[in-house]
Amino acid sequence: MNLLSVETRNEVCVVTPSGASLHSREVLDVLSGEAESIPVGSDVIVDLGKIRADYQEWVGTLITMYRRVTDAGYKLVAFGSSNGMADKLAVTRVDGLIKLVATEEDALAEVSV
């Protein structure tokens, strides 16, 4: 099961959550493992466009990724949240940690690519 798609574009790691339902402990464990294993050797941008539900669990995943990336000395920027995720990030105050921009181009500009 792949809940996070990871690819490299313009020397930046691009992570795209699948938006899958996270209603079981097994799925949450898989997501946690995938978040812990994203490659950390460059800045990371995260596409939030497919997330439709289970916001709380996805917020936790973003925090895990943020910590891994910033502990390694890189930036993490999220984009594409036209689905309510931005509101959840604001309510949980995660928007103070993770920069949220509108488009992938904006995210790439934030990480200076």
PDB file of N, CA and C in Angstrom:
ATOM      1  N   MET A   1       0.858  -1.184   0.000  1.00  0.00           N
ATOM      2  CA  MET A   1       0.000   0.000   0.000  1.00  0.00           C
ATOM      3  C   MET A   1       0.894   1.235   0.000  1.00  0.00           C
ATOM      4  N   ASN A   2       0.685   2.132  -0.935  1.00  0.00           N
ATOM      5  CA  ASN A   2       1.426   3.388  -0.978  1.00  0.00           C
ATOM      6  C   ASN A   2       0.467   4.532  -0.718  1.00  0.00           C
ATOM      7  N   LEU A   3       0.650   5.180   0.416  1.00  0.00           N
ATOM      8  CA  LEU A   3      -0.179   6.325   0.759  1.00  0.00           C
ATOM      9  C   LEU A   3       0.509   7.638   0.408  1.00  0.00           C
ATOM     10  N   LEU A   4       1.823   7.561   0.199  1.00  0.00           N
ATOM     11  CA  LEU A   4       2.600   8.730  -0.189  1.00  0.00           C
ATOM     12  C   LEU A   4       3.379   8.411  -1.462  1.00  0.00           C
ATOM     13  N   SER A   5       3.140   9.191  -2.494  1.00  0.00           N
ATOM     14  CA  SER A   5       3.927   9.080  -3.716  1.00  0.00           C
ATOM     15  C   SER A   5       5.098  10.044  -3.574  1.00  0.00           C
ATOM     16  N   VAL A   6       6.308   9.555  -3.857  1.00  0.00           N
ATOM     17  CA  VAL A   6       7.501  10.384  -3.708  1.00  0.00           C
ATOM     18  C   VAL A   6       8.266  10.384  -5.028  1.00  0.00           C
ATOM     19  N   GLU A   7       8.578  11.571  -5.522  1.00  0.00           N
ATOM     20  CA  GLU A   7       9.386  11.701  -6.733  1.00  0.00           C
ATOM     21  C   GLU A   7      10.282  12.923  -6.598  1.00  0.00           C
ATOM     22  N   THR A   8      11.265  13.005  -7.461  1.00  0.00           N
ATOM     23  CA  THR A   8      12.173  14.154  -7.457  1.00  0.00           C
ATOM     24  C   THR A   8      11.928  14.973  -8.706  1.00  0.00           C
ATOM     25  N   ARG A   9      11.721  16.271  -8.514  1.00  0.00           N
ATOM     26  CA  ARG A   9      11.552  17.222  -9.612  1.00  0.00           C
ATOM     27  C   ARG A   9      12.414  18.435  -9.326  1.00  0.00           C
ATOM     28  N   ASN A  10      13.217  18.815 -10.279  1.00  0.00           N
ATOM     29  CA  ASN A  10      14.067  20.004 -10.125  1.00  0.00           C
ATOM     30  C   ASN A  10      14.882  19.952  -8.835  1.00  0.00           C
ATOM     31  N   GLU A  11      15.429  18.783  -8.528  1.00  0.00           N
ATOM     32  CA  GLU A  11      16.257  18.586  -7.335  1.00  0.00           C
ATOM     33  C   GLU A  11      15.498  18.777  -6.027  1.00  0.00           C
ATOM     34  N   VAL A  12      14.184  18.666  -6.074  1.00  0.00           N
ATOM     35  CA  VAL A  12      13.342  18.792  -4.891  1.00  0.00           C
ATOM     36  C   VAL A  12      12.521  17.517  -4.765  1.00  0.00           C
ATOM     37  N   CYS A  13      12.372  17.039  -3.548  1.00  0.00           N
ATOM     38  CA  CYS A  13      11.527  15.877  -3.287  1.00  0.00           C
ATOM     39  C   CYS A  13      10.074  16.348  -3.256  1.00  0.00           C
ATOM     40  N   VAL A  14       9.226  15.745  -4.102  1.00  0.00           N
ATOM     41  CA  VAL A  14       7.807  16.091  -4.167  1.00  0.00           C
ATOM     42  C   VAL A  14       7.008  14.920  -3.594  1.00  0.00           C
ATOM     43  N   VAL A  15       6.259  15.182  -2.530  1.00  0.00           N
ATOM     44  CA  VAL A  15       5.465  14.155  -1.865  1.00  0.00           C
ATOM     45  C   VAL A  15       4.000  14.441  -2.129  1.00  0.00           C
ATOM     46  N   THR A  16       3.276  13.418  -2.611  1.00  0.00           N
ATOM     47  CA  THR A  16       1.852  13.563  -2.878  1.00  0.00           C
ATOM     48  C   THR A  16       1.085  12.509  -2.088  1.00  0.00           C
ATOM     49  N   PRO A  17       0.370  12.926  -1.032  1.00  0.00           N
ATOM     50  CA  PRO A  17      -0.479  11.977  -0.311  1.00  0.00           C
ATOM     51  C   PRO A  17      -1.589  11.466  -1.222  1.00  0.00           C
ATOM     52  N   SER A  18      -1.953  10.213  -1.073  1.00  0.00           N
ATOM     53  CA  SER A  18      -2.966   9.608  -1.936  1.00  0.00           C
ATOM     54  C   SER A  18      -4.370  10.101  -1.622  1.00  0.00           C
ATOM     55  N   GLY A  19      -4.576  10.575  -0.408  1.00  0.00           N
ATOM     56  CA  GLY A  19      -5.917  10.987  -0.011  1.00  0.00           C
ATOM     57  C   GLY A  19      -6.759   9.818   0.459  1.00  0.00           C
ATOM     58  N   ALA A  20      -6.143   8.646   0.600  1.00  0.00           N
ATOM     59  CA  ALA A  20      -6.870   7.443   1.020  1.00  0.00           C
ATOM     60  C   ALA A  20      -7.457   7.625   2.416  1.00  0.00           C
ATOM     61  N   SER A  21      -8.501   6.892   2.677  1.00  0.00           N
ATOM     62  CA  SER A  21      -9.111   6.899   4.003  1.00  0.00           C
ATOM     63  C   SER A  21      -8.156   6.289   5.012  1.00  0.00           C
ATOM     64  N   LEU A  22      -8.099   6.889   6.176  1.00  0.00           N
ATOM     65  CA  LEU A  22      -7.174   6.441   7.222  1.00  0.00           C
ATOM     66  C   LEU A  22      -7.926   5.883   8.429  1.00  0.00           C
ATOM     67  N   HIS A  23      -9.034   5.219   8.186  1.00  0.00           N
ATOM     68  CA  HIS A  23      -9.908   4.804   9.281  1.00  0.00           C
ATOM     69  C   HIS A  23      -9.473   3.553  10.030  1.00  0.00           C
ATOM     70  N   SER A  24      -8.369   2.909   9.635  1.00  0.00           N
ATOM     71  CA  SER A  24      -7.946   1.728  10.383  1.00  0.00           C
ATOM     72  C   SER A  24      -6.546   1.931  10.939  1.00  0.00           C
ATOM     73  N   ARG A  25      -6.267   1.256  12.021  1.00  0.00           N
ATOM     74  CA  ARG A  25      -4.952   1.357  12.654  1.00  0.00           C
ATOM     75  C   ARG A  25      -3.854   0.871  11.705  1.00  0.00           C
ATOM     76  N   GLU A  26      -4.151  -0.173  10.943  1.00  0.00           N
ATOM     77  CA  GLU A  26      -3.180  -0.720   9.990  1.00  0.00           C
ATOM     78  C   GLU A  26      -2.770   0.336   8.964  1.00  0.00           C
ATOM     79  N   VAL A  27      -3.753   1.053   8.437  1.00  0.00           N
ATOM     80  CA  VAL A  27      -3.465   2.086   7.439  1.00  0.00           C
ATOM     81  C   VAL A  27      -2.664   3.224   8.070  1.00  0.00           C
ATOM     82  N   LEU A  28      -3.010   3.608   9.287  1.00  0.00           N
ATOM     83  CA  LEU A  28      -2.262   4.662   9.975  1.00  0.00           C
ATOM     84  C   LEU A  28      -0.820   4.236  10.221  1.00  0.00           C
ATOM     85  N   ASP A  29      -0.607   2.963  10.547  1.00  0.00           N
ATOM     86  CA  ASP A  29       0.755   2.464  10.750  1.00  0.00           C
ATOM     87  C   ASP A  29       1.555   2.518   9.447  1.00  0.00           C
ATOM     88  N   VAL A  30       0.920   2.156   8.335  1.00  0.00           N
ATOM     89  CA  VAL A  30       1.580   2.228   7.033  1.00  0.00           C
ATOM     90  C   VAL A  30       1.947   3.673   6.729  1.00  0.00           C
ATOM     91  N   LEU A  31       1.019   4.591   6.941  1.00  0.00           N
ATOM     92  CA  LEU A  31       1.271   6.012   6.671  1.00  0.00           C
ATOM     93  C   LEU A  31       2.425   6.526   7.523  1.00  0.00           C
ATOM     94  N   SER A  32       2.440   6.163   8.780  1.00  0.00           N
ATOM     95  CA  SER A  32       3.514   6.599   9.667  1.00  0.00           C
ATOM     96  C   SER A  32       4.865   6.103   9.169  1.00  0.00           C
ATOM     97  N   GLY A  33       4.921   4.843   8.768  1.00  0.00           N
ATOM     98  CA  GLY A  33       6.162   4.285   8.245  1.00  0.00           C
ATOM     99  C   GLY A  33       6.615   4.977   6.974  1.00  0.00           C
ATOM    100  N   GLU A  34       5.669   5.262   6.090  1.00  0.00           N
ATOM    101  CA  GLU A  34       6.020   5.947   4.844  1.00  0.00           C
ATOM    102  C   GLU A  34       6.523   7.364   5.123  1.00  0.00           C
ATOM    103  N   ALA A  35       5.888   8.062   6.059  1.00  0.00           N
ATOM    104  CA  ALA A  35       6.318   9.426   6.400  1.00  0.00           C
ATOM    105  C   ALA A  35       7.722   9.413   6.993  1.00  0.00           C
ATOM    106  N   GLU A  36       8.021   8.396   7.790  1.00  0.00           N
ATOM    107  CA  GLU A  36       9.346   8.289   8.407  1.00  0.00           C
ATOM    108  C   GLU A  36      10.430   7.916   7.399  1.00  0.00           C
ATOM    109  N   SER A  37      10.029   7.369   6.259  1.00  0.00           N
ATOM    110  CA  SER A  37      11.033   6.900   5.311  1.00  0.00           C
ATOM    111  C   SER A  37      11.175   7.770   4.059  1.00  0.00           C
ATOM    112  N   ILE A  38      10.529   8.943   4.038  1.00  0.00           N
ATOM    113  CA  ILE A  38      10.742   9.801   2.869  1.00  0.00           C
ATOM    114  C   ILE A  38      12.216  10.188   2.816  1.00  0.00           C
ATOM    115  N   PRO A  39      12.772  10.256   1.620  1.00  0.00           N
ATOM    116  CA  PRO A  39      14.196  10.590   1.515  1.00  0.00           C
ATOM    117  C   PRO A  39      14.449  12.035   1.944  1.00  0.00           C
ATOM    118  N   VAL A  40      15.459  12.213   2.764  1.00  0.00           N
ATOM    119  CA  VAL A  40      15.779  13.556   3.240  1.00  0.00           C
ATOM    120  C   VAL A  40      17.188  13.893   2.778  1.00  0.00           C
ATOM    121  N   GLY A  41      17.262  14.482   1.597  1.00  0.00           N
ATOM    122  CA  GLY A  41      18.533  14.911   1.043  1.00  0.00           C
ATOM    123  C   GLY A  41      18.356  16.165   0.220  1.00  0.00           C
ATOM    124  N   SER A  42      17.155  16.748   0.355  1.00  0.00           N
ATOM    125  CA  SER A  42      16.843  17.979  -0.368  1.00  0.00           C
ATOM    126  C   SER A  42      15.624  18.606   0.283  1.00  0.00           C
ATOM    127  N   ASP A  43      15.260  19.792  -0.208  1.00  0.00           N
ATOM    128  CA  ASP A  43      14.018  20.401   0.244  1.00  0.00           C
ATOM    129  C   ASP A  43      12.855  19.527  -0.212  1.00  0.00           C
ATOM    130  N   VAL A  44      11.729  19.663   0.477  1.00  0.00           N
ATOM    131  CA  VAL A  44      10.555  18.836   0.191  1.00  0.00           C
ATOM    132  C   VAL A  44       9.340  19.737   0.005  1.00  0.00           C
ATOM    133  N   ILE A  45       8.560  19.447  -1.038  1.00  0.00           N
ATOM    134  CA  ILE A  45       7.264  20.105  -1.187  1.00  0.00           C
ATOM    135  C   ILE A  45       6.200  19.017  -1.140  1.00  0.00           C
ATOM    136  N   VAL A  46       5.059  19.350  -0.547  1.00  0.00           N
ATOM    137  CA  VAL A  46       3.990  18.375  -0.340  1.00  0.00           C
ATOM    138  C   VAL A  46       2.724  18.882  -1.017  1.00  0.00           C
ATOM    139  N   ASP A  47       2.179  18.072  -1.908  1.00  0.00           N
ATOM    140  CA  ASP A  47       0.945  18.396  -2.622  1.00  0.00           C
ATOM    141  C   ASP A  47      -0.246  17.906  -1.804  1.00  0.00           C
ATOM    142  N   LEU A  48      -1.032  18.831  -1.281  1.00  0.00           N
ATOM    143  CA  LEU A  48      -2.176  18.480  -0.429  1.00  0.00           C
ATOM    144  C   LEU A  48      -3.482  18.349  -1.208  1.00  0.00           C
ATOM    145  N   GLY A  49      -3.432  18.451  -2.516  1.00  0.00           N
ATOM    146  CA  GLY A  49      -4.626  18.515  -3.344  1.00  0.00           C
ATOM    147  C   GLY A  49      -5.547  17.311  -3.298  1.00  0.00           C
ATOM    148  N   LYS A  50      -5.020  16.117  -2.985  1.00  0.00           N
ATOM    149  CA  LYS A  50      -5.858  14.919  -3.000  1.00  0.00           C
ATOM    150  C   LYS A  50      -6.472  14.576  -1.648  1.00  0.00           C
ATOM    151  N   ILE A  51      -6.060  15.281  -0.599  1.00  0.00           N
ATOM    152  CA  ILE A  51      -6.585  14.962   0.730  1.00  0.00           C
ATOM    153  C   ILE A  51      -8.028  15.428   0.828  1.00  0.00           C
ATOM    154  N   ARG A  52      -8.919  14.507   1.144  1.00  0.00           N
ATOM    155  CA  ARG A  52     -10.352  14.819   1.205  1.00  0.00           C
ATOM    156  C   ARG A  52     -10.963  14.586   2.587  1.00  0.00           C
ATOM    157  N   ALA A  53     -10.314  13.800   3.409  1.00  0.00           N
ATOM    158  CA  ALA A  53     -10.871  13.479   4.724  1.00  0.00           C
ATOM    159  C   ALA A  53      -9.734  13.109   5.667  1.00  0.00           C
ATOM    160  N   ASP A  54     -10.076  12.791   6.894  1.00  0.00           N
ATOM    161  CA  ASP A  54      -9.087  12.367   7.888  1.00  0.00           C
ATOM    162  C   ASP A  54      -8.010  13.430   8.092  1.00  0.00           C
ATOM    163  N   TYR A  55      -8.435  14.676   8.136  1.00  0.00           N
ATOM    164  CA  TYR A  55      -7.484  15.774   8.232  1.00  0.00           C
ATOM    165  C   TYR A  55      -6.525  15.632   9.412  1.00  0.00           C
ATOM    166  N   GLN A  56      -7.035  15.210  10.558  1.00  0.00           N
ATOM    167  CA  GLN A  56      -6.203  15.144  11.754  1.00  0.00           C
ATOM    168  C   GLN A  56      -5.013  14.213  11.539  1.00  0.00           C
ATOM    169  N   GLU A  57      -5.259  13.056  10.949  1.00  0.00           N
ATOM    170  CA  GLU A  57      -4.171  12.117  10.711  1.00  0.00           C
ATOM    171  C   GLU A  57      -3.179  12.660   9.693  1.00  0.00           C
ATOM    172  N   TRP A  58      -3.663  13.338   8.670  1.00  0.00           N
ATOM    173  CA  TRP A  58      -2.756  13.913   7.676  1.00  0.00           C
ATOM    174  C   TRP A  58      -1.941  15.047   8.290  1.00  0.00           C
ATOM    175  N   VAL A  59      -2.530  15.813   9.222  1.00  0.00           N
ATOM    176  CA  VAL A  59      -1.775  16.869   9.903  1.00  0.00           C
ATOM    177  C   VAL A  59      -0.612  16.242  10.670  1.00  0.00           C
ATOM    178  N   GLY A  60      -0.878  15.147  11.355  1.00  0.00           N
ATOM    179  CA  GLY A  60       0.188  14.446  12.072  1.00  0.00           C
ATOM    180  C   GLY A  60       1.298  13.991  11.144  1.00  0.00           C
ATOM    181  N   THR A  61       0.924  13.514   9.984  1.00  0.00           N
ATOM    182  CA  THR A  61       1.905  13.074   8.989  1.00  0.00           C
ATOM    183  C   THR A  61       2.744  14.249   8.505  1.00  0.00           C
ATOM    184  N   LEU A  62       2.101  15.381   8.258  1.00  0.00           N
ATOM    185  CA  LEU A  62       2.850  16.579   7.849  1.00  0.00           C
ATOM    186  C   LEU A  62       3.859  16.992   8.914  1.00  0.00           C
ATOM    187  N   ILE A  63       3.460  16.920  10.169  1.00  0.00           N
ATOM    188  CA  ILE A  63       4.379  17.287  11.253  1.00  0.00           C
ATOM    189  C   ILE A  63       5.567  16.329  11.288  1.00  0.00           C
ATOM    190  N   THR A  64       5.304  15.031  11.109  1.00  0.00           N
ATOM    191  CA  THR A  64       6.392  14.045  11.065  1.00  0.00           C
ATOM    192  C   THR A  64       7.363  14.379   9.936  1.00  0.00           C
ATOM    193  N   MET A  65       6.826  14.647   8.749  1.00  0.00           N
ATOM    194  CA  MET A  65       7.684  14.984   7.618  1.00  0.00           C
ATOM    195  C   MET A  65       8.453  16.277   7.880  1.00  0.00           C
ATOM    196  N   TYR A  66       7.760  17.278   8.422  1.00  0.00           N
ATOM    197  CA  TYR A  66       8.396  18.563   8.718  1.00  0.00           C
ATOM    198  C   TYR A  66       9.603  18.371   9.644  1.00  0.00           C
ATOM    199  N   ARG A  67       9.413  17.603  10.695  1.00  0.00           N
ATOM    200  CA  ARG A  67      10.506  17.385  11.652  1.00  0.00           C
ATOM    201  C   ARG A  67      11.690  16.682  10.988  1.00  0.00           C
ATOM    202  N   ARG A  68      11.411  15.653  10.194  1.00  0.00           N
ATOM    203  CA  ARG A  68      12.499  14.929   9.519  1.00  0.00           C
ATOM    204  C   ARG A  68      13.265  15.851   8.569  1.00  0.00           C
ATOM    205  N   VAL A  69      12.535  16.627   7.799  1.00  0.00           N
ATOM    206  CA  VAL A  69      13.148  17.485   6.790  1.00  0.00           C
ATOM    207  C   VAL A  69      13.938  18.619   7.441  1.00  0.00           C
ATOM    208  N   THR A  70      13.329  19.313   8.387  1.00  0.00           N
ATOM    209  CA  THR A  70      14.015  20.449   9.008  1.00  0.00           C
ATOM    210  C   THR A  70      15.159  19.998   9.911  1.00  0.00           C
ATOM    211  N   ASP A  71      15.046  18.837  10.561  1.00  0.00           N
ATOM    212  CA  ASP A  71      16.155  18.314  11.360  1.00  0.00           C
ATOM    213  C   ASP A  71      17.371  18.031  10.483  1.00  0.00           C
ATOM    214  N   ALA A  72      17.131  17.720   9.218  1.00  0.00           N
ATOM    215  CA  ALA A  72      18.221  17.467   8.277  1.00  0.00           C
ATOM    216  C   ALA A  72      18.735  18.757   7.625  1.00  0.00           C
ATOM    217  N   GLY A  73      18.113  19.898   7.968  1.00  0.00           N
ATOM    218  CA  GLY A  73      18.583  21.177   7.457  1.00  0.00           C
ATOM    219  C   GLY A  73      17.938  21.651   6.169  1.00  0.00           C
ATOM    220  N   TYR A  74      16.795  21.072   5.817  1.00  0.00           N
ATOM    221  CA  TYR A  74      16.102  21.441   4.586  1.00  0.00           C
ATOM    222  C   TYR A  74      14.762  22.096   4.901  1.00  0.00           C
ATOM    223  N   LYS A  75      14.105  22.590   3.853  1.00  0.00           N
ATOM    224  CA  LYS A  75      12.793  23.234   3.990  1.00  0.00           C
ATOM    225  C   LYS A  75      11.690  22.279   3.552  1.00  0.00           C
ATOM    226  N   LEU A  76      10.512  22.454   4.156  1.00  0.00           N
ATOM    227  CA  LEU A  76       9.308  21.756   3.715  1.00  0.00           C
ATOM    228  C   LEU A  76       8.227  22.796   3.479  1.00  0.00           C
ATOM    229  N   VAL A  77       7.618  22.756   2.297  1.00  0.00           N
ATOM    230  CA  VAL A  77       6.545  23.678   1.918  1.00  0.00           C
ATOM    231  C   VAL A  77       5.396  22.848   1.371  1.00  0.00           C
ATOM    232  N   ALA A  78       4.176  23.175   1.772  1.00  0.00           N
ATOM    233  CA  ALA A  78       2.991  22.470   1.275  1.00  0.00           C
ATOM    234  C   ALA A  78       2.229  23.374   0.314  1.00  0.00           C
ATOM    235  N   PHE A  79       1.535  22.735  -0.639  1.00  0.00           N
ATOM    236  CA  PHE A  79       0.761  23.506  -1.614  1.00  0.00           C
ATOM    237  C   PHE A  79      -0.489  22.741  -2.018  1.00  0.00           C
ATOM    238  N   GLY A  80      -1.397  23.460  -2.675  1.00  0.00           N
ATOM    239  CA  GLY A  80      -2.575  22.833  -3.273  1.00  0.00           C
ATOM    240  C   GLY A  80      -3.703  22.534  -2.325  1.00  0.00           C
ATOM    241  N   SER A  81      -3.807  23.249  -1.246  1.00  0.00           N
ATOM    242  CA  SER A  81      -4.848  22.953  -0.266  1.00  0.00           C
ATOM    243  C   SER A  81      -6.104  23.774  -0.516  1.00  0.00           C
ATOM    244  N   SER A  82      -6.882  23.343  -1.507  1.00  0.00           N
ATOM    245  CA  SER A  82      -8.151  24.027  -1.774  1.00  0.00           C
ATOM    246  C   SER A  82      -9.307  23.188  -1.245  1.00  0.00           C
ATOM    247  N   ASN A  83      -8.997  22.240  -0.372  1.00  0.00           N
ATOM    248  CA  ASN A  83      -9.970  21.239   0.055  1.00  0.00           C
ATOM    249  C   ASN A  83     -10.294  21.280   1.544  1.00  0.00           C
ATOM    250  N   GLY A  84      -9.938  22.346   2.232  1.00  0.00           N
ATOM    251  CA  GLY A  84     -10.218  22.441   3.657  1.00  0.00           C
ATOM    252  C   GLY A  84      -9.019  22.137   4.537  1.00  0.00           C
ATOM    253  N   MET A  85      -7.975  21.595   3.954  1.00  0.00           N
ATOM    254  CA  MET A  85      -6.786  21.263   4.735  1.00  0.00           C
ATOM    255  C   MET A  85      -6.133  22.518   5.297  1.00  0.00           C
ATOM    256  N   ALA A  86      -6.159  23.608   4.561  1.00  0.00           N
ATOM    257  CA  ALA A  86      -5.566  24.861   5.048  1.00  0.00           C
ATOM    258  C   ALA A  86      -6.246  25.312   6.335  1.00  0.00           C
ATOM    259  N   ASP A  87      -7.569  25.167   6.399  1.00  0.00           N
ATOM    260  CA  ASP A  87      -8.293  25.528   7.618  1.00  0.00           C
ATOM    261  C   ASP A  87      -7.865  24.654   8.789  1.00  0.00           C
ATOM    262  N   LYS A  88      -7.695  23.364   8.545  1.00  0.00           N
ATOM    263  CA  LYS A  88      -7.261  22.456   9.610  1.00  0.00           C
ATOM    264  C   LYS A  88      -5.848  22.801  10.071  1.00  0.00           C
ATOM    265  N   LEU A  89      -4.989  23.170   9.143  1.00  0.00           N
ATOM    266  CA  LEU A  89      -3.637  23.572   9.525  1.00  0.00           C
ATOM    267  C   LEU A  89      -3.660  24.847  10.360  1.00  0.00           C
ATOM    268  N   ALA A  90      -4.573  25.754  10.051  1.00  0.00           N
ATOM    269  CA  ALA A  90      -4.691  26.995  10.825  1.00  0.00           C
ATOM    270  C   ALA A  90      -5.245  26.714  12.220  1.00  0.00           C
ATOM    271  N   VAL A  91      -6.276  25.886  12.306  1.00  0.00           N
ATOM    272  CA  VAL A  91      -6.892  25.567  13.598  1.00  0.00           C
ATOM    273  C   VAL A  91      -5.881  24.892  14.525  1.00  0.00           C
ATOM    274  N   THR A  92      -5.072  24.010  13.981  1.00  0.00           N
ATOM    275  CA  THR A  92      -4.087  23.295  14.787  1.00  0.00           C
ATOM    276  C   THR A  92      -2.775  24.061  14.929  1.00  0.00           C
ATOM    277  N   ARG A  93      -2.719  25.231  14.307  1.00  0.00           N
ATOM    278  CA  ARG A  93      -1.558  26.127  14.328  1.00  0.00           C
ATOM    279  C   ARG A  93      -0.324  25.544  13.645  1.00  0.00           C
ATOM    280  N   VAL A  94      -0.523  24.522  12.862  1.00  0.00           N
ATOM    281  CA  VAL A  94       0.577  23.945  12.100  1.00  0.00           C
ATOM    282  C   VAL A  94       0.997  24.895  10.991  1.00  0.00           C
ATOM    283  N   ASP A  95       0.101  25.781  10.576  1.00  0.00           N
ATOM    284  CA  ASP A  95       0.445  26.743   9.533  1.00  0.00           C
ATOM    285  C   ASP A  95       1.549  27.691   9.987  1.00  0.00           C
ATOM    286  N   GLY A  96       1.808  27.751  11.298  1.00  0.00           N
ATOM    287  CA  GLY A  96       2.926  28.534  11.809  1.00  0.00           C
ATOM    288  C   GLY A  96       4.265  27.839  11.599  1.00  0.00           C
ATOM    289  N   LEU A  97       4.229  26.522  11.429  1.00  0.00           N
ATOM    290  CA  LEU A  97       5.436  25.741  11.166  1.00  0.00           C
ATOM    291  C   LEU A  97       5.656  25.529   9.675  1.00  0.00           C
ATOM    292  N   ILE A  98       4.602  25.080   9.032  1.00  0.00           N
ATOM    293  CA  ILE A  98       4.699  24.665   7.637  1.00  0.00           C
ATOM    294  C   ILE A  98       4.153  25.758   6.737  1.00  0.00           C
ATOM    295  N   LYS A  99       4.991  26.234   5.847  1.00  0.00           N
ATOM    296  CA  LYS A  99       4.574  27.252   4.872  1.00  0.00           C
ATOM    297  C   LYS A  99       3.589  26.619   3.899  1.00  0.00           C
ATOM    298  N   LEU A 100       2.458  27.271   3.690  1.00  0.00           N
ATOM    299  CA  LEU A 100       1.425  26.783   2.783  1.00  0.00           C
ATOM    300  C   LEU A 100       1.242  27.800   1.663  1.00  0.00           C
ATOM    301  N   VAL A 101       1.406  27.342   0.412  1.00  0.00           N
ATOM    302  CA  VAL A 101       1.255  28.211  -0.753  1.00  0.00           C
ATOM    303  C   VAL A 101       0.237  27.593  -1.704  1.00  0.00           C
ATOM    304  N   ALA A 102      -0.151  28.335  -2.718  1.00  0.00           N
ATOM    305  CA  ALA A 102      -1.244  27.905  -3.597  1.00  0.00           C
ATOM    306  C   ALA A 102      -0.846  26.846  -4.617  1.00  0.00           C
ATOM    307  N   THR A 103       0.304  26.998  -5.251  1.00  0.00           N
ATOM    308  CA  THR A 103       0.641  26.131  -6.384  1.00  0.00           C
ATOM    309  C   THR A 103       2.008  25.478  -6.216  1.00  0.00           C
ATOM    310  N   GLU A 104       2.253  24.470  -7.048  1.00  0.00           N
ATOM    311  CA  GLU A 104       3.558  23.821  -7.042  1.00  0.00           C
ATOM    312  C   GLU A 104       4.658  24.816  -7.423  1.00  0.00           C
ATOM    313  N   GLU A 105       4.361  25.686  -8.369  1.00  0.00           N
ATOM    314  CA  GLU A 105       5.350  26.699  -8.766  1.00  0.00           C
ATOM    315  C   GLU A 105       5.703  27.598  -7.604  1.00  0.00           C
ATOM    316  N   ASP A 106       4.692  27.998  -6.819  1.00  0.00           N
ATOM    317  CA  ASP A 106       4.942  28.818  -5.625  1.00  0.00           C
ATOM    318  C   ASP A 106       5.814  28.062  -4.616  1.00  0.00           C
ATOM    319  N   ALA A 107       5.523  26.765  -4.453  1.00  0.00           N
ATOM    320  CA  ALA A 107       6.286  25.946  -3.518  1.00  0.00           C
ATOM    321  C   ALA A 107       7.741  25.834  -3.963  1.00  0.00           C
ATOM    322  N   LEU A 108       7.942  25.604  -5.249  1.00  0.00           N
ATOM    323  CA  LEU A 108       9.307  25.529  -5.780  1.00  0.00           C
ATOM    324  C   LEU A 108      10.044  26.854  -5.590  1.00  0.00           C
ATOM    325  N   ALA A 109       9.326  27.963  -5.764  1.00  0.00           N
ATOM    326  CA  ALA A 109       9.946  29.273  -5.547  1.00  0.00           C
ATOM    327  C   ALA A 109      10.342  29.463  -4.080  1.00  0.00           C
ATOM    328  N   GLU A 110       9.535  28.938  -3.164  1.00  0.00           N
ATOM    329  CA  GLU A 110       9.831  29.055  -1.727  1.00  0.00           C
ATOM    330  C   GLU A 110      11.088  28.292  -1.332  1.00  0.00           C
ATOM    331  N   VAL A 111      11.360  27.209  -2.019  1.00  0.00           N
ATOM    332  CA  VAL A 111      12.562  26.444  -1.693  1.00  0.00           C
ATOM    333  C   VAL A 111      13.727  26.836  -2.609  1.00  0.00           C
ATOM    334  N   SER A 112      13.536  27.922  -3.352  1.00  0.00           N
ATOM    335  CA  SER A 112      14.588  28.547  -4.157  1.00  0.00           C
ATOM    336  C   SER A 112      15.158  27.646  -5.246  1.00  0.00           C
ATOM    337  N   VAL A 113      14.298  26.939  -5.928  1.00  0.00           N
ATOM    338  CA  VAL A 113      14.764  26.099  -7.043  1.00  0.00           C
ATOM    339  C   VAL A 113      14.660  26.887  -8.324  1.00  0.00           C
TER     340      VAL A 113
END
